[in-house]
Amino acid sequence: MITAAQLRAARALLGIDQRQLADLCGLSVPTIQRMEASEDVIRGNVDSLMKLIAALETSGVELISDGGVSQGGGRGVRLRTSAKDPDARLGKDSAPPGPRAA
């Protein structure tokens, strides 16, 4: 399970916007927007949730569940220390994402 707050935090850690996350996991931008606007635990199509979680984990994000090992307890996210290169985390050969034109 992943919460909307975890999703927003994970995206912030990676330094990507909703469109870039949508591209990474093969979902639409409106789907990402709906997930991030959820009240708490994201509910939705199981296939979509699996794609989202897999893309985050491949990018170097570790999701911490309520019972996960964490100093403060509770849910959270963190970057794995083995994924130091941002391009490697994002699965890309190019420079890190920059600001996008509207």
C-alpha atoms as a PDB file:
ATOM      1  CA  MET A   1       0.000   0.000   0.000  1.00  0.00           C
ATOM      2  CA  ILE A   2       1.064   3.557  -0.666  1.00  0.00           C
ATOM      3  CA  THR A   3      -0.463   6.798   0.563  1.00  0.00           C
ATOM      4  CA  ALA A   4      -0.916  10.000  -1.408  1.00  0.00           C
ATOM      5  CA  ALA A   5       1.579  11.727   0.905  1.00  0.00           C
ATOM      6  CA  GLN A   6       4.173   9.017   0.220  1.00  0.00           C
ATOM      7  CA  LEU A   7       3.634   9.405  -3.512  1.00  0.00           C
ATOM      8  CA  ARG A   8       4.107  13.178  -3.391  1.00  0.00           C
ATOM      9  CA  ALA A   9       7.190  12.779  -1.181  1.00  0.00           C
ATOM     10  CA  ALA A  10       8.689  10.122  -3.448  1.00  0.00           C
ATOM     11  CA  ARG A  11       8.217  12.342  -6.488  1.00  0.00           C
ATOM     12  CA  ALA A  12       9.834  15.244  -4.634  1.00  0.00           C
ATOM     13  CA  LEU A  13      12.833  13.081  -3.645  1.00  0.00           C
ATOM     14  CA  LEU A  14      13.315  12.114  -7.274  1.00  0.00           C
ATOM     15  CA  GLY A  15      12.911  15.717  -8.408  1.00  0.00           C
ATOM     16  CA  ILE A  16      10.353  14.877 -11.068  1.00  0.00           C
ATOM     17  CA  ASP A  17       6.960  16.281 -11.986  1.00  0.00           C
ATOM     18  CA  GLN A  18       3.700  14.394 -12.493  1.00  0.00           C
ATOM     19  CA  ARG A  19       4.244  14.044 -16.250  1.00  0.00           C
ATOM     20  CA  GLN A  20       7.676  12.503 -15.753  1.00  0.00           C
ATOM     21  CA  LEU A  21       6.294  10.068 -13.172  1.00  0.00           C
ATOM     22  CA  ALA A  22       3.464   9.157 -15.539  1.00  0.00           C
ATOM     23  CA  ASP A  23       6.033   8.428 -18.260  1.00  0.00           C
ATOM     24  CA  LEU A  24       8.124   6.308 -15.885  1.00  0.00           C
ATOM     25  CA  CYS A  25       5.254   4.075 -14.863  1.00  0.00           C
ATOM     26  CA  GLY A  26       3.192   4.083 -18.053  1.00  0.00           C
ATOM     27  CA  LEU A  27       0.143   5.788 -16.557  1.00  0.00           C
ATOM     28  CA  SER A  28      -1.691   8.942 -17.572  1.00  0.00           C
ATOM     29  CA  VAL A  29      -1.101  12.308 -15.917  1.00  0.00           C
ATOM     30  CA  PRO A  30      -4.772  12.470 -14.754  1.00  0.00           C
ATOM     31  CA  THR A  31      -4.289   9.079 -13.052  1.00  0.00           C
ATOM     32  CA  ILE A  32      -1.222  10.368 -11.189  1.00  0.00           C
ATOM     33  CA  GLN A  33      -3.147  13.536 -10.248  1.00  0.00           C
ATOM     34  CA  ARG A  34      -6.053  11.474  -8.865  1.00  0.00           C
ATOM     35  CA  MET A  35      -3.671   9.296  -6.878  1.00  0.00           C
ATOM     36  CA  GLU A  36      -1.902  12.309  -5.364  1.00  0.00           C
ATOM     37  CA  ALA A  37      -5.234  13.950  -4.490  1.00  0.00           C
ATOM     38  CA  SER A  38      -6.401  10.901  -2.510  1.00  0.00           C
ATOM     39  CA  GLU A  39      -7.228  11.360   1.165  1.00  0.00           C
ATOM     40  CA  ASP A  40      -4.922   8.646   2.527  1.00  0.00           C
ATOM     41  CA  VAL A  41      -4.162   5.198   1.081  1.00  0.00           C
ATOM     42  CA  ILE A  42      -4.363   5.291  -2.700  1.00  0.00           C
ATOM     43  CA  ARG A  43      -7.116   3.105  -4.046  1.00  0.00           C
ATOM     44  CA  GLY A  44      -7.407   2.138  -7.652  1.00  0.00           C
ATOM     45  CA  ASN A  45      -6.738  -0.421 -10.305  1.00  0.00           C
ATOM     46  CA  VAL A  46      -4.308  -3.021  -8.955  1.00  0.00           C
ATOM     47  CA  ASP A  47      -2.339  -3.058 -12.222  1.00  0.00           C
ATOM     48  CA  SER A  48      -1.899   0.728 -12.065  1.00  0.00           C
ATOM     49  CA  LEU A  49      -0.762   0.613  -8.445  1.00  0.00           C
ATOM     50  CA  MET A  50       1.728  -2.157  -9.241  1.00  0.00           C
ATOM     51  CA  LYS A  51       3.159  -0.131 -12.154  1.00  0.00           C
ATOM     52  CA  LEU A  52       3.475   2.941  -9.934  1.00  0.00           C
ATOM     53  CA  ILE A  53       5.201   1.117  -7.079  1.00  0.00           C
ATOM     54  CA  ALA A  54       7.530  -0.755  -9.450  1.00  0.00           C
ATOM     55  CA  ALA A  55       8.567   2.497 -11.169  1.00  0.00           C
ATOM     56  CA  LEU A  56       9.273   4.173  -7.819  1.00  0.00           C
ATOM     57  CA  GLU A  57      11.287   1.218  -6.560  1.00  0.00           C
ATOM     58  CA  THR A  58      13.256   0.989  -9.822  1.00  0.00           C
ATOM     59  CA  SER A  59      14.019   4.700  -9.477  1.00  0.00           C
ATOM     60  CA  GLY A  60      15.529   4.122  -6.030  1.00  0.00           C
ATOM     61  CA  VAL A  61      12.615   4.989  -3.751  1.00  0.00           C
ATOM     62  CA  GLU A  62      11.968   2.766  -0.766  1.00  0.00           C
ATOM     63  CA  LEU A  63       8.425   2.869   0.607  1.00  0.00           C
ATOM     64  CA  ILE A  64       8.269   2.526   4.387  1.00  0.00           C
ATOM     65  CA  SER A  65       5.064   0.974   5.699  1.00  0.00           C
ATOM     66  CA  ASP A  66       3.546   1.489   9.145  1.00  0.00           C
ATOM     67  CA  GLY A  67       5.399  -1.551  10.473  1.00  0.00           C
ATOM     68  CA  GLY A  68       8.611  -0.837   8.549  1.00  0.00           C
ATOM     69  CA  VAL A  69      11.980  -0.165  10.133  1.00  0.00           C
ATOM     70  CA  SER A  70      12.207   3.575  10.722  1.00  0.00           C
ATOM     71  CA  GLN A  71      13.571   5.684  13.572  1.00  0.00           C
ATOM     72  CA  GLY A  72      10.389   7.690  13.987  1.00  0.00           C
ATOM     73  CA  GLY A  73       7.919   4.965  13.103  1.00  0.00           C
ATOM     74  CA  GLY A  74       4.983   5.455  10.759  1.00  0.00           C
ATOM     75  CA  ARG A  75       4.904   5.593   6.996  1.00  0.00           C
ATOM     76  CA  GLY A  76       7.462   7.319   4.836  1.00  0.00           C
ATOM     77  CA  VAL A  77       9.813   7.186   1.859  1.00  0.00           C
ATOM     78  CA  ARG A  78      13.560   7.295   1.422  1.00  0.00           C
ATOM     79  CA  LEU A  79      16.099   6.940  -1.355  1.00  0.00           C
ATOM     80  CA  ARG A  80      18.183   3.804  -1.296  1.00  0.00           C
ATOM     81  CA  THR A  81      21.859   4.572  -0.771  1.00  0.00           C
ATOM     82  CA  SER A  82      22.813   2.254  -3.633  1.00  0.00           C
ATOM     83  CA  ALA A  83      21.040   4.546  -6.096  1.00  0.00           C
ATOM     84  CA  LYS A  84      23.212   7.664  -5.902  1.00  0.00           C
ATOM     85  CA  ASP A  85      23.253   8.545  -9.613  1.00  0.00           C
ATOM     86  CA  PRO A  86      19.970  10.361 -10.395  1.00  0.00           C
ATOM     87  CA  ASP A  87      20.060   9.206 -14.024  1.00  0.00           C
ATOM     88  CA  ALA A  88      20.479   5.597 -12.935  1.00  0.00           C
ATOM     89  CA  ARG A  89      17.607   5.969 -10.460  1.00  0.00           C
ATOM     90  CA  LEU A  90      15.345   7.309 -13.183  1.00  0.00           C
ATOM     91  CA  GLY A  91      16.481   4.689 -15.685  1.00  0.00           C
ATOM     92  CA  LYS A  92      17.686   7.335 -18.129  1.00  0.00           C
ATOM     93  CA  ASP A  93      20.901   8.150 -19.949  1.00  0.00           C
ATOM     94  CA  SER A  94      20.245  11.892 -20.081  1.00  0.00           C
ATOM     95  CA  ALA A  95      20.588  14.805 -17.692  1.00  0.00           C
ATOM     96  CA  PRO A  96      18.252  15.147 -14.688  1.00  0.00           C
ATOM     97  CA  PRO A  97      14.850  16.697 -15.412  1.00  0.00           C
ATOM     98  CA  GLY A  98      14.679  20.456 -15.448  1.00  0.00           C
ATOM     99  CA  PRO A  99      11.818  22.934 -15.485  1.00  0.00           C
ATOM    100  CA  ARG A 100       9.178  22.278 -18.100  1.00  0.00           C
ATOM    101  CA  ALA A 101       7.488  24.870 -20.263  1.00  0.00           C
ATOM    102  CA  ALA A 102       3.761  25.239 -19.686  1.00  0.00           C
END
